[in-house]
Full PDB file with SEQRES, HELIX, SHEET, SSBOND, CRYST1, ORIGX, SCALE, CONECT and MASTER records, all heavy atoms in Angstrom:
SEQRES   1 A   42  ALA PHE VAL GLU ASP TRP LEU VAL GLY HIS PRO ARG ASN          
SEQRES   2 A   42  ALA SER VAL ILE PRO GLY ARG VAL PRO VAL PHE LEU SER          
SEQRES   3 A   42  ARG LYS TYR PRO ARG CYS ASN VAL ALA SER GLY HIS GLY          
SEQRES   4 A   42  HIS LEU ALA                                                  
HELIX    1 AA1 ARG A   20  LYS A   28  1                                   9    
SHEET    1 AA1 3 PHE A   2  VAL A   3  0                                        
SHEET    2 AA1 3 TRP A   6  GLY A   9 -1                                        
SHEET    3 AA1 3 ASN A  33  SER A  36  1                                        
CRYST1    1.000    1.000    1.000  90.00  90.00  90.00 P 1           1          
ORIGX1      1.000000  0.000000  0.000000        0.00000                         
ORIGX2      0.000000  1.000000  0.000000        0.00000                         
ORIGX3      0.000000  0.000000  1.000000        0.00000                         
SCALE1      1.000000  0.000000  0.000000        0.00000                         
SCALE2      0.000000  1.000000  0.000000        0.00000                         
SCALE3      0.000000  0.000000  1.000000        0.00000                         
ATOM      1  N   ALA A   1      13.975 -29.246 -43.770  1.00  0.00           N  
ATOM      2  CA  ALA A   1      14.674 -29.491 -45.028  1.00  0.00           C  
ATOM      3  C   ALA A   1      14.855 -28.160 -45.739  1.00  0.00           C  
ATOM      4  O   ALA A   1      14.198 -27.159 -45.409  1.00  0.00           O  
ATOM      5  CB  ALA A   1      13.887 -30.459 -45.909  1.00  0.00           C  
ATOM      6  N   PHE A   2      15.745 -28.148 -46.723  1.00  0.00           N  
ATOM      7  CA  PHE A   2      15.982 -26.956 -47.528  1.00  0.00           C  
ATOM      8  C   PHE A   2      15.435 -27.179 -48.930  1.00  0.00           C  
ATOM      9  O   PHE A   2      15.736 -28.190 -49.570  1.00  0.00           O  
ATOM     10  CB  PHE A   2      17.472 -26.623 -47.574  1.00  0.00           C  
ATOM     11  CG  PHE A   2      18.033 -26.177 -46.254  1.00  0.00           C  
ATOM     12  CD1 PHE A   2      18.665 -27.077 -45.406  1.00  0.00           C  
ATOM     13  CD2 PHE A   2      17.902 -24.853 -45.847  1.00  0.00           C  
ATOM     14  CE1 PHE A   2      19.167 -26.671 -44.178  1.00  0.00           C  
ATOM     15  CE2 PHE A   2      18.398 -24.439 -44.617  1.00  0.00           C  
ATOM     16  CZ  PHE A   2      19.029 -25.342 -43.784  1.00  0.00           C  
ATOM     17  N   VAL A   3      14.608 -26.240 -49.372  1.00  0.00           N  
ATOM     18  CA  VAL A   3      14.070 -26.261 -50.727  1.00  0.00           C  
ATOM     19  C   VAL A   3      14.557 -24.981 -51.405  1.00  0.00           C  
ATOM     20  O   VAL A   3      14.007 -23.901 -51.175  1.00  0.00           O  
ATOM     21  CB  VAL A   3      12.532 -26.314 -50.721  1.00  0.00           C  
ATOM     22  CG1 VAL A   3      11.995 -26.364 -52.147  1.00  0.00           C  
ATOM     23  CG2 VAL A   3      12.032 -27.511 -49.908  1.00  0.00           C  
ATOM     24  N   GLU A   4      15.592 -25.120 -52.231  1.00  0.00           N  
ATOM     25  CA  GLU A   4      16.237 -23.943 -52.835  1.00  0.00           C  
ATOM     26  C   GLU A   4      16.632 -22.962 -51.716  1.00  0.00           C  
ATOM     27  O   GLU A   4      17.355 -23.331 -50.818  1.00  0.00           O  
ATOM     28  CB  GLU A   4      15.304 -23.304 -53.870  1.00  0.00           C  
ATOM     29  CG  GLU A   4      14.969 -24.227 -55.049  1.00  0.00           C  
ATOM     30  CD  GLU A   4      16.158 -24.527 -55.935  1.00  0.00           C  
ATOM     31  OE1 GLU A   4      17.108 -23.724 -55.978  1.00  0.00           O  
ATOM     32  OE2 GLU A   4      16.147 -25.579 -56.599  1.00  0.00           O  
ATOM     33  N   ASP A   5      16.109 -21.720 -51.756  1.00  0.00           N  
ATOM     34  CA  ASP A   5      16.463 -20.738 -50.727  1.00  0.00           C  
ATOM     35  C   ASP A   5      15.411 -20.664 -49.619  1.00  0.00           C  
ATOM     36  O   ASP A   5      15.285 -19.644 -48.939  1.00  0.00           O  
ATOM     37  CB  ASP A   5      16.672 -19.354 -51.349  1.00  0.00           C  
ATOM     38  CG  ASP A   5      15.447 -18.858 -52.096  1.00  0.00           C  
ATOM     39  OD1 ASP A   5      14.556 -19.675 -52.396  1.00  0.00           O  
ATOM     40  OD2 ASP A   5      15.375 -17.647 -52.395  1.00  0.00           O  
ATOM     41  N   TRP A   6      14.681 -21.757 -49.417  1.00  0.00           N  
ATOM     42  CA  TRP A   6      13.659 -21.829 -48.374  1.00  0.00           C  
ATOM     43  C   TRP A   6      14.035 -22.885 -47.334  1.00  0.00           C  
ATOM     44  O   TRP A   6      14.481 -23.982 -47.675  1.00  0.00           O  
ATOM     45  CB  TRP A   6      12.297 -22.188 -48.970  1.00  0.00           C  
ATOM     46  CG  TRP A   6      11.634 -21.022 -49.638  1.00  0.00           C  
ATOM     47  CD1 TRP A   6      11.867 -20.543 -50.892  1.00  0.00           C  
ATOM     48  CD2 TRP A   6      10.623 -20.185 -49.071  1.00  0.00           C  
ATOM     49  NE1 TRP A   6      11.073 -19.463 -51.146  1.00  0.00           N  
ATOM     50  CE2 TRP A   6      10.296 -19.214 -50.043  1.00  0.00           C  
ATOM     51  CE3 TRP A   6       9.972 -20.159 -47.842  1.00  0.00           C  
ATOM     52  CZ2 TRP A   6       9.342 -18.227 -49.826  1.00  0.00           C  
ATOM     53  CZ3 TRP A   6       9.018 -19.183 -47.615  1.00  0.00           C  
ATOM     54  CH2 TRP A   6       8.710 -18.223 -48.599  1.00  0.00           C  
ATOM     55  N   LEU A   7      13.846 -22.524 -46.069  1.00  0.00           N  
ATOM     56  CA  LEU A   7      13.919 -23.481 -44.970  1.00  0.00           C  
ATOM     57  C   LEU A   7      12.483 -23.864 -44.624  1.00  0.00           C  
ATOM     58  O   LEU A   7      11.655 -23.001 -44.333  1.00  0.00           O  
ATOM     59  CB  LEU A   7      14.598 -22.855 -43.749  1.00  0.00           C  
ATOM     60  CG  LEU A   7      14.511 -23.633 -42.436  1.00  0.00           C  
ATOM     61  CD1 LEU A   7      15.325 -24.917 -42.508  1.00  0.00           C  
ATOM     62  CD2 LEU A   7      14.972 -22.782 -41.259  1.00  0.00           C  
ATOM     63  N   VAL A   8      12.179 -25.158 -44.690  1.00  0.00           N  
ATOM     64  CA  VAL A   8      10.830 -25.654 -44.422  1.00  0.00           C  
ATOM     65  C   VAL A   8      10.917 -26.678 -43.305  1.00  0.00           C  
ATOM     66  O   VAL A   8      11.748 -27.591 -43.360  1.00  0.00           O  
ATOM     67  CB  VAL A   8      10.212 -26.296 -45.673  1.00  0.00           C  
ATOM     68  CG1 VAL A   8       8.799 -26.797 -45.379  1.00  0.00           C  
ATOM     69  CG2 VAL A   8      10.194 -25.311 -46.840  1.00  0.00           C  
ATOM     70  N   GLY A   9      10.073 -26.536 -42.271  1.00  0.00           N  
ATOM     71  CA  GLY A   9      10.186 -27.504 -41.201  1.00  0.00           C  
ATOM     72  C   GLY A   9       9.069 -27.479 -40.195  1.00  0.00           C  
ATOM     73  O   GLY A   9       8.088 -26.744 -40.311  1.00  0.00           O  
ATOM     74  N   HIS A  10       9.255 -28.345 -39.201  1.00  0.00           N  
ATOM     75  CA  HIS A  10       8.302 -28.534 -38.114  1.00  0.00           C  
ATOM     76  C   HIS A  10       9.039 -28.235 -36.812  1.00  0.00           C  
ATOM     77  O   HIS A  10       9.554 -29.142 -36.153  1.00  0.00           O  
ATOM     78  CB  HIS A  10       7.788 -29.980 -38.126  1.00  0.00           C  
ATOM     79  CG  HIS A  10       6.557 -30.195 -37.312  1.00  0.00           C  
ATOM     80  ND1 HIS A  10       5.295 -30.170 -37.846  1.00  0.00           N  
ATOM     81  CD2 HIS A  10       6.384 -30.439 -35.983  1.00  0.00           C  
ATOM     82  CE1 HIS A  10       4.405 -30.396 -36.912  1.00  0.00           C  
ATOM     83  NE2 HIS A  10       5.045 -30.559 -35.759  1.00  0.00           N  
ATOM     84  N   PRO A  11       9.144 -26.962 -36.423  1.00  0.00           N  
ATOM     85  CA  PRO A  11       9.963 -26.599 -35.256  1.00  0.00           C  
ATOM     86  C   PRO A  11       9.364 -27.088 -33.947  1.00  0.00           C  
ATOM     87  O   PRO A  11       8.177 -27.418 -33.863  1.00  0.00           O  
ATOM     88  CB  PRO A  11       9.989 -25.068 -35.320  1.00  0.00           C  
ATOM     89  CG  PRO A  11       8.739 -24.700 -36.035  1.00  0.00           C  
ATOM     90  CD  PRO A  11       8.497 -25.784 -37.040  1.00  0.00           C  
ATOM     91  N   ARG A  12      10.184 -27.108 -32.924  1.00  0.00           N  
ATOM     92  CA  ARG A  12       9.717 -27.481 -31.586  1.00  0.00           C  
ATOM     93  C   ARG A  12       8.901 -26.361 -30.953  1.00  0.00           C  
ATOM     94  O   ARG A  12       8.112 -26.603 -30.041  1.00  0.00           O  
ATOM     95  CB  ARG A  12      10.914 -27.804 -30.690  1.00  0.00           C  
ATOM     96  CG  ARG A  12      11.728 -28.988 -31.158  1.00  0.00           C  
ATOM     97  CD  ARG A  12      12.975 -29.169 -30.300  1.00  0.00           C  
ATOM     98  NE  ARG A  12      12.643 -29.536 -28.945  1.00  0.00           N  
ATOM     99  CZ  ARG A  12      12.557 -30.781 -28.491  1.00  0.00           C  
ATOM    100  NH1 ARG A  12      12.764 -31.788 -29.313  1.00  0.00           N  
ATOM    101  NH2 ARG A  12      12.269 -31.034 -27.233  1.00  0.00           N  
ATOM    102  N   ASN A  13       9.114 -25.140 -31.432  1.00  0.00           N  
ATOM    103  CA  ASN A  13       8.486 -23.975 -30.818  1.00  0.00           C  
ATOM    104  C   ASN A  13       7.121 -23.700 -31.438  1.00  0.00           C  
ATOM    105  O   ASN A  13       6.855 -24.020 -32.579  1.00  0.00           O  
ATOM    106  CB  ASN A  13       9.374 -22.746 -30.992  1.00  0.00           C  
ATOM    107  CG  ASN A  13      10.816 -23.033 -30.644  1.00  0.00           C  
ATOM    108  OD1 ASN A  13      11.589 -23.404 -31.506  1.00  0.00           O  
ATOM    109  ND2 ASN A  13      11.164 -22.883 -29.390  1.00  0.00           N  
ATOM    110  N   ALA A  14       6.255 -23.054 -30.653  1.00  0.00           N  
ATOM    111  CA  ALA A  14       4.945 -22.618 -31.135  1.00  0.00           C  
ATOM    112  C   ALA A  14       4.638 -21.264 -30.511  1.00  0.00           C  
ATOM    113  O   ALA A  14       5.175 -20.905 -29.460  1.00  0.00           O  
ATOM    114  CB  ALA A  14       3.861 -23.630 -30.776  1.00  0.00           C  
ATOM    115  N   SER A  15       3.790 -20.505 -31.171  1.00  0.00           N  
ATOM    116  CA  SER A  15       3.411 -19.184 -30.676  1.00  0.00           C  
ATOM    117  C   SER A  15       1.936 -18.951 -30.984  1.00  0.00           C  
ATOM    118  O   SER A  15       1.376 -19.544 -31.908  1.00  0.00           O  
ATOM    119  CB  SER A  15       4.261 -18.099 -31.344  1.00  0.00           C  
ATOM    120  OG  SER A  15       3.796 -16.802 -31.006  1.00  0.00           O  
ATOM    121  N   VAL A  16       1.304 -18.083 -30.211  1.00  0.00           N  
ATOM    122  CA  VAL A  16      -0.086 -17.712 -30.477  1.00  0.00           C  
ATOM    123  C   VAL A  16      -0.149 -16.557 -31.473  1.00  0.00           C  
ATOM    124  O   VAL A  16      -1.232 -16.099 -31.825  1.00  0.00           O  
ATOM    125  CB  VAL A  16      -0.823 -17.326 -29.179  1.00  0.00           C  
ATOM    126  CG1 VAL A  16      -0.920 -18.524 -28.253  1.00  0.00           C  
ATOM    127  CG2 VAL A  16      -0.136 -16.150 -28.483  1.00  0.00           C  
ATOM    128  N   ILE A  17       1.012 -16.097 -31.925  1.00  0.00           N  
ATOM    129  CA  ILE A  17       1.076 -15.012 -32.901  1.00  0.00           C  
ATOM    130  C   ILE A  17       1.488 -15.600 -34.241  1.00  0.00           C  
ATOM    131  O   ILE A  17       2.610 -16.096 -34.384  1.00  0.00           O  
ATOM    132  CB  ILE A  17       2.082 -13.928 -32.468  1.00  0.00           C  
ATOM    133  CG1 ILE A  17       1.694 -13.357 -31.104  1.00  0.00           C  
ATOM    134  CG2 ILE A  17       2.159 -12.821 -33.523  1.00  0.00           C  
ATOM    135  CD1 ILE A  17       2.703 -12.377 -30.546  1.00  0.00           C  
ATOM    136  N   PRO A  18       0.609 -15.578 -35.240  1.00  0.00           N  
ATOM    137  CA  PRO A  18       0.960 -16.144 -36.547  1.00  0.00           C  
ATOM    138  C   PRO A  18       2.206 -15.484 -37.127  1.00  0.00           C  
ATOM    139  O   PRO A  18       2.361 -14.272 -37.093  1.00  0.00           O  
ATOM    140  CB  PRO A  18      -0.278 -15.848 -37.405  1.00  0.00           C  
ATOM    141  CG  PRO A  18      -1.394 -15.681 -36.431  1.00  0.00           C  
ATOM    142  CD  PRO A  18      -0.772 -15.061 -35.211  1.00  0.00           C  
ATOM    143  N   GLY A  19       3.120 -16.292 -37.628  1.00  0.00           N  
ATOM    144  CA  GLY A  19       4.327 -15.796 -38.255  1.00  0.00           C  
ATOM    145  C   GLY A  19       5.501 -15.575 -37.328  1.00  0.00           C  
ATOM    146  O   GLY A  19       6.636 -15.401 -37.792  1.00  0.00           O  
ATOM    147  N   ARG A  20       5.275 -15.580 -36.015  1.00  0.00           N  
ATOM    148  CA  ARG A  20       6.374 -15.259 -35.095  1.00  0.00           C  
ATOM    149  C   ARG A  20       7.479 -16.313 -35.142  1.00  0.00           C  
ATOM    150  O   ARG A  20       8.671 -15.969 -35.208  1.00  0.00           O  
ATOM    151  CB  ARG A  20       5.849 -15.114 -33.674  1.00  0.00           C  
ATOM    152  CG  ARG A  20       6.957 -15.047 -32.621  1.00  0.00           C  
ATOM    153  CD  ARG A  20       6.487 -14.546 -31.295  1.00  0.00           C  
ATOM    154  NE  ARG A  20       6.293 -13.090 -31.322  1.00  0.00           N  
ATOM    155  CZ  ARG A  20       6.063 -12.362 -30.223  1.00  0.00           C  
ATOM    156  NH1 ARG A  20       5.988 -12.956 -29.037  1.00  0.00           N  
ATOM    157  NH2 ARG A  20       5.903 -11.063 -30.312  1.00  0.00           N  
ATOM    158  N   VAL A  21       7.132 -17.588 -35.114  1.00  0.00           N  
ATOM    159  CA  VAL A  21       8.158 -18.626 -35.084  1.00  0.00           C  
ATOM    160  C   VAL A  21       9.009 -18.613 -36.355  1.00  0.00           C  
ATOM    161  O   VAL A  21      10.242 -18.624 -36.274  1.00  0.00           O  
ATOM    162  CB  VAL A  21       7.537 -20.011 -34.828  1.00  0.00           C  
ATOM    163  CG1 VAL A  21       8.569 -21.118 -35.015  1.00  0.00           C  
ATOM    164  CG2 VAL A  21       6.959 -20.076 -33.413  1.00  0.00           C  
ATOM    165  N   PRO A  22       8.411 -18.577 -37.558  1.00  0.00           N  
ATOM    166  CA  PRO A  22       9.278 -18.510 -38.746  1.00  0.00           C  
ATOM    167  C   PRO A  22      10.117 -17.231 -38.808  1.00  0.00           C  
ATOM    168  O   PRO A  22      11.242 -17.263 -39.314  1.00  0.00           O  
ATOM    169  CB  PRO A  22       8.294 -18.606 -39.923  1.00  0.00           C  
ATOM    170  CG  PRO A  22       6.955 -18.309 -39.359  1.00  0.00           C  
ATOM    171  CD  PRO A  22       6.999 -18.756 -37.940  1.00  0.00           C  
ATOM    172  N   VAL A  23       9.606 -16.115 -38.296  1.00  0.00           N  
ATOM    173  CA  VAL A  23      10.418 -14.894 -38.247  1.00  0.00           C  
ATOM    174  C   VAL A  23      11.623 -15.108 -37.336  1.00  0.00           C  
ATOM    175  O   VAL A  23      12.754 -14.743 -37.670  1.00  0.00           O  
ATOM    176  CB  VAL A  23       9.590 -13.692 -37.766  1.00  0.00           C  
ATOM    177  CG1 VAL A  23      10.501 -12.533 -37.378  1.00  0.00           C  
ATOM    178  CG2 VAL A  23       8.627 -13.234 -38.851  1.00  0.00           C  
ATOM    179  N   PHE A  24      11.403 -15.705 -36.172  1.00  0.00           N  
ATOM    180  CA  PHE A  24      12.513 -15.958 -35.246  1.00  0.00           C  
ATOM    181  C   PHE A  24      13.514 -16.953 -35.857  1.00  0.00           C  
ATOM    182  O   PHE A  24      14.720 -16.821 -35.674  1.00  0.00           O  
ATOM    183  CB  PHE A  24      11.989 -16.486 -33.921  1.00  0.00           C  
ATOM    184  CG  PHE A  24      11.403 -15.417 -33.022  1.00  0.00           C  
ATOM    185  CD1 PHE A  24      11.263 -14.116 -33.460  1.00  0.00           C  
ATOM    186  CD2 PHE A  24      10.984 -15.723 -31.736  1.00  0.00           C  
ATOM    187  CE1 PHE A  24      10.731 -13.122 -32.653  1.00  0.00           C  
ATOM    188  CE2 PHE A  24      10.452 -14.740 -30.897  1.00  0.00           C  
ATOM    189  CZ  PHE A  24      10.333 -13.440 -31.363  1.00  0.00           C  
ATOM    190  N   LEU A  25      13.001 -17.958 -36.576  1.00  0.00           N  
ATOM    191  CA  LEU A  25      13.897 -18.925 -37.212  1.00  0.00           C  
ATOM    192  C   LEU A  25      14.765 -18.254 -38.269  1.00  0.00           C  
ATOM    193  O   LEU A  25      15.916 -18.662 -38.495  1.00  0.00           O  
ATOM    194  CB  LEU A  25      13.093 -20.064 -37.844  1.00  0.00           C  
ATOM    195  CG  LEU A  25      12.510 -21.106 -36.894  1.00  0.00           C  
ATOM    196  CD1 LEU A  25      11.562 -22.031 -37.637  1.00  0.00           C  
ATOM    197  CD2 LEU A  25      13.619 -21.917 -36.232  1.00  0.00           C  
ATOM    198  N   SER A  26      14.238 -17.228 -38.901  1.00  0.00           N  
ATOM    199  CA  SER A  26      15.005 -16.543 -39.945  1.00  0.00           C  
ATOM    200  C   SER A  26      16.247 -15.863 -39.368  1.00  0.00           C  
ATOM    201  O   SER A  26      17.189 -15.571 -40.100  1.00  0.00           O  
ATOM    202  CB  SER A  26      14.123 -15.514 -40.658  1.00  0.00           C  
ATOM    203  OG  SER A  26      13.846 -14.395 -39.823  1.00  0.00           O  
ATOM    204  N   ARG A  27      16.277 -15.614 -38.066  1.00  0.00           N  
ATOM    205  CA  ARG A  27      17.467 -15.041 -37.441  1.00  0.00           C  
ATOM    206  C   ARG A  27      18.615 -16.045 -37.438  1.00  0.00           C  
ATOM    207  O   ARG A  27      19.777 -15.681 -37.557  1.00  0.00           O  
ATOM    208  CB  ARG A  27      17.161 -14.611 -36.003  1.00  0.00           C  
ATOM    209  CG  ARG A  27      16.097 -13.522 -35.880  1.00  0.00           C  
ATOM    210  CD  ARG A  27      15.750 -13.299 -34.412  1.00  0.00           C  
ATOM    211  NE  ARG A  27      14.746 -12.254 -34.230  1.00  0.00           N  
ATOM    212  CZ  ARG A  27      14.194 -11.950 -33.059  1.00  0.00           C  
ATOM    213  NH1 ARG A  27      14.563 -12.606 -31.956  1.00  0.00           N  
ATOM    214  NH2 ARG A  27      13.283 -10.994 -32.978  1.00  0.00           N  
ATOM    215  N   LYS A  28      18.282 -17.326 -37.287  1.00  0.00           N  
ATOM    216  CA  LYS A  28      19.300 -18.369 -37.266  1.00  0.00           C  
ATOM    217  C   LYS A  28      19.748 -18.751 -38.674  1.00  0.00           C  
ATOM    218  O   LYS A  28      20.845 -19.276 -38.854  1.00  0.00           O  
ATOM    219  CB  LYS A  28      18.762 -19.621 -36.555  1.00  0.00           C  
ATOM    220  CG  LYS A  28      18.483 -19.446 -35.079  1.00  0.00           C  
ATOM    221  CD  LYS A  28      18.034 -20.752 -34.452  1.00  0.00           C  
ATOM    222  CE  LYS A  28      19.129 -21.801 -34.483  1.00  0.00           C  
ATOM    223  NZ  LYS A  28      18.712 -23.049 -33.783  1.00  0.00           N  
ATOM    224  N   TYR A  29      18.871 -18.512 -39.645  1.00  0.00           N  
ATOM    225  CA  TYR A  29      19.181 -18.876 -41.024  1.00  0.00           C  
ATOM    226  C   TYR A  29      19.038 -17.621 -41.886  1.00  0.00           C  
ATOM    227  O   TYR A  29      18.051 -17.440 -42.608  1.00  0.00           O  
ATOM    228  CB  TYR A  29      18.239 -19.980 -41.495  1.00  0.00           C  
ATOM    229  CG  TYR A  29      18.364 -21.241 -40.674  1.00  0.00           C  
ATOM    230  CD1 TYR A  29      17.581 -21.446 -39.539  1.00  0.00           C  
ATOM    231  CD2 TYR A  29      19.291 -22.226 -41.014  1.00  0.00           C  
ATOM    232  CE1 TYR A  29      17.710 -22.598 -38.781  1.00  0.00           C  
ATOM    233  CE2 TYR A  29      19.428 -23.379 -40.261  1.00  0.00           C  
ATOM    234  CZ  TYR A  29      18.635 -23.561 -39.142  1.00  0.00           C  
ATOM    235  OH  TYR A  29      18.768 -24.696 -38.399  1.00  0.00           O  
ATOM    236  N   PRO A  30      20.037 -16.736 -41.827  1.00  0.00           N  
ATOM    237  CA  PRO A  30      19.899 -15.403 -42.427  1.00  0.00           C  
ATOM    238  C   PRO A  30      19.863 -15.383 -43.947  1.00  0.00           C  
ATOM    239  O   PRO A  30      19.624 -14.335 -44.530  1.00  0.00           O  
ATOM    240  CB  PRO A  30      21.131 -14.659 -41.890  1.00  0.00           C  
ATOM    241  CG  PRO A  30      22.122 -15.731 -41.585  1.00  0.00           C  
ATOM    242  CD  PRO A  30      21.324 -16.902 -41.118  1.00  0.00           C  
ATOM    243  N   ARG A  31      20.083 -16.504 -44.587  1.00  0.00           N  
ATOM    244  CA  ARG A  31      20.048 -16.539 -46.050  1.00  0.00           C  
ATOM    245  C   ARG A  31      18.772 -17.189 -46.582  1.00  0.00           C  
ATOM    246  O   ARG A  31      18.619 -17.344 -47.794  1.00  0.00           O  
ATOM    247  CB  ARG A  31      21.267 -17.292 -46.588  1.00  0.00           C  
ATOM    248  CG  ARG A  31      22.598 -16.633 -46.266  1.00  0.00           C  
ATOM    249  CD  ARG A  31      23.759 -17.397 -46.870  1.00  0.00           C  
ATOM    250  NE  ARG A  31      25.038 -16.746 -46.563  1.00  0.00           N  
ATOM    251  CZ  ARG A  31      26.218 -17.214 -46.953  1.00  0.00           C  
ATOM    252  NH1 ARG A  31      26.277 -18.320 -47.680  1.00  0.00           N  
ATOM    253  NH2 ARG A  31      27.323 -16.569 -46.632  1.00  0.00           N  
ATOM    254  N   CYS A  32      17.881 -17.566 -45.688  1.00  0.00           N  
ATOM    255  CA  CYS A  32      16.713 -18.339 -46.104  1.00  0.00           C  
ATOM    256  C   CYS A  32      15.403 -17.611 -45.836  1.00  0.00           C  
ATOM    257  O   CYS A  32      15.257 -16.915 -44.822  1.00  0.00           O  
ATOM    258  CB  CYS A  32      16.664 -19.679 -45.361  1.00  0.00           C  
ATOM    259  SG  CYS A  32      18.037 -20.785 -45.728  1.00  0.00           S  
ATOM    260  N   ASN A  33      14.451 -17.799 -46.748  1.00  0.00           N  
ATOM    261  CA  ASN A  33      13.057 -17.600 -46.400  1.00  0.00           C  
ATOM    262  C   ASN A  33      12.652 -18.789 -45.533  1.00  0.00           C  
ATOM    263  O   ASN A  33      13.243 -19.879 -45.634  1.00  0.00           O  
ATOM    264  CB  ASN A  33      12.197 -17.567 -47.658  1.00  0.00           C  
ATOM    265  CG  ASN A  33      12.603 -16.454 -48.617  1.00  0.00           C  
ATOM    266  OD1 ASN A  33      12.287 -15.299 -48.404  1.00  0.00           O  
ATOM    267  ND2 ASN A  33      13.329 -16.826 -49.675  1.00  0.00           N  
ATOM    268  N   VAL A  34      11.628 -18.631 -44.710  1.00  0.00           N  
ATOM    269  CA  VAL A  34      11.266 -19.684 -43.768  1.00  0.00           C  
ATOM    270  C   VAL A  34       9.773 -19.974 -43.849  1.00  0.00           C  
ATOM    271  O   VAL A  34       8.947 -19.055 -43.866  1.00  0.00           O  
ATOM    272  CB  VAL A  34      11.633 -19.299 -42.316  1.00  0.00           C  
ATOM    273  CG1 VAL A  34      11.252 -20.430 -41.357  1.00  0.00           C  
ATOM    274  CG2 VAL A  34      13.125 -18.997 -42.203  1.00  0.00           C  
ATOM    275  N   ALA A  35       9.436 -21.264 -43.905  1.00  0.00           N  
ATOM    276  CA  ALA A  35       8.046 -21.709 -43.836  1.00  0.00           C  
ATOM    277  C   ALA A  35       7.971 -22.849 -42.832  1.00  0.00           C  
ATOM    278  O   ALA A  35       8.771 -23.787 -42.893  1.00  0.00           O  
ATOM    279  CB  ALA A  35       7.546 -22.176 -45.207  1.00  0.00           C  
ATOM    280  N   SER A  36       7.013 -22.768 -41.901  1.00  0.00           N  
ATOM    281  CA  SER A  36       6.977 -23.771 -40.837  1.00  0.00           C  
ATOM    282  C   SER A  36       5.556 -24.160 -40.481  1.00  0.00           C  
ATOM    283  O   SER A  36       4.594 -23.450 -40.766  1.00  0.00           O  
ATOM    284  CB  SER A  36       7.698 -23.246 -39.583  1.00  0.00           C  
ATOM    285  OG  SER A  36       7.039 -22.113 -39.052  1.00  0.00           O  
ATOM    286  N   GLY A  37       5.467 -25.330 -39.853  1.00  0.00           N  
ATOM    287  CA  GLY A  37       4.210 -25.843 -39.327  1.00  0.00           C  
ATOM    288  C   GLY A  37       4.260 -25.919 -37.819  1.00  0.00           C  
ATOM    289  O   GLY A  37       4.938 -25.142 -37.167  1.00  0.00           O  
ATOM    290  N   HIS A  38       3.534 -26.868 -37.260  1.00  0.00           N  
ATOM    291  CA  HIS A  38       3.489 -27.187 -35.838  1.00  0.00           C  
ATOM    292  C   HIS A  38       2.562 -26.279 -35.040  1.00  0.00           C  
ATOM    293  O   HIS A  38       1.834 -26.756 -34.170  1.00  0.00           O  
ATOM    294  CB  HIS A  38       4.877 -27.170 -35.196  1.00  0.00           C  
ATOM    295  CG  HIS A  38       4.870 -27.495 -33.732  1.00  0.00           C  
ATOM    296  ND1 HIS A  38       4.387 -28.686 -33.244  1.00  0.00           N  
ATOM    297  CD2 HIS A  38       5.260 -26.764 -32.652  1.00  0.00           C  
ATOM    298  CE1 HIS A  38       4.486 -28.682 -31.911  1.00  0.00           C  
ATOM    299  NE2 HIS A  38       5.010 -27.536 -31.535  1.00  0.00           N  
ATOM    300  N   GLY A  39       2.553 -24.975 -35.307  1.00  0.00           N  
ATOM    301  CA  GLY A  39       1.756 -24.059 -34.496  1.00  0.00           C  
ATOM    302  C   GLY A  39       0.276 -24.067 -34.797  1.00  0.00           C  
ATOM    303  O   GLY A  39      -0.520 -23.495 -34.055  1.00  0.00           O  
ATOM    304  N   HIS A  40      -0.111 -24.719 -35.923  1.00  0.00           N  
ATOM    305  CA  HIS A  40      -1.525 -24.806 -36.313  1.00  0.00           C  
ATOM    306  C   HIS A  40      -2.143 -23.436 -36.589  1.00  0.00           C  
ATOM    307  O   HIS A  40      -3.351 -23.286 -36.555  1.00  0.00           O  
ATOM    308  CB  HIS A  40      -2.362 -25.545 -35.263  1.00  0.00           C  
ATOM    309  CG  HIS A  40      -1.955 -26.971 -35.068  1.00  0.00           C  
ATOM    310  ND1 HIS A  40      -2.439 -27.742 -34.035  1.00  0.00           N  
ATOM    311  CD2 HIS A  40      -1.101 -27.761 -35.755  1.00  0.00           C  
ATOM    312  CE1 HIS A  40      -1.903 -28.953 -34.103  1.00  0.00           C  
ATOM    313  NE2 HIS A  40      -1.085 -28.985 -35.150  1.00  0.00           N  
ATOM    314  N   LEU A  41      -1.286 -22.449 -36.827  1.00  0.00           N  
ATOM    315  CA  LEU A  41      -1.751 -21.125 -37.215  1.00  0.00           C  
ATOM    316  C   LEU A  41      -1.269 -20.845 -38.637  1.00  0.00           C  
ATOM    317  O   LEU A  41      -0.414 -21.547 -39.169  1.00  0.00           O  
ATOM    318  CB  LEU A  41      -1.230 -20.059 -36.258  1.00  0.00           C  
ATOM    319  CG  LEU A  41      -1.644 -20.208 -34.799  1.00  0.00           C  
ATOM    320  CD1 LEU A  41      -1.072 -19.072 -33.968  1.00  0.00           C  
ATOM    321  CD2 LEU A  41      -3.166 -20.256 -34.654  1.00  0.00           C  
ATOM    322  N   ALA A  42      -1.834 -19.820 -39.252  1.00  0.00           N  
ATOM    323  CA  ALA A  42      -1.482 -19.515 -40.632  1.00  0.00           C  
ATOM    324  C   ALA A  42      -1.292 -18.017 -40.793  1.00  0.00           C  
ATOM    325  O   ALA A  42      -2.062 -17.217 -40.249  1.00  0.00           O  
ATOM    326  CB  ALA A  42      -2.575 -20.012 -41.586  1.00  0.00           C  
TER     327      ALA A  42                                                      
MASTER        0    0    0    1    3    0    0    6  326    1    0    4          
END                                                                             
């Protein structure tokens, strides 16, 4: 979902490196900050 200028979601992807998935998602959504779950990392 979109919350103002934030993309918030539960992506299909996961990584063992904290922050990697939301950084990669930011490439697809160049106008958004990104916050995500699913990876169980912080």
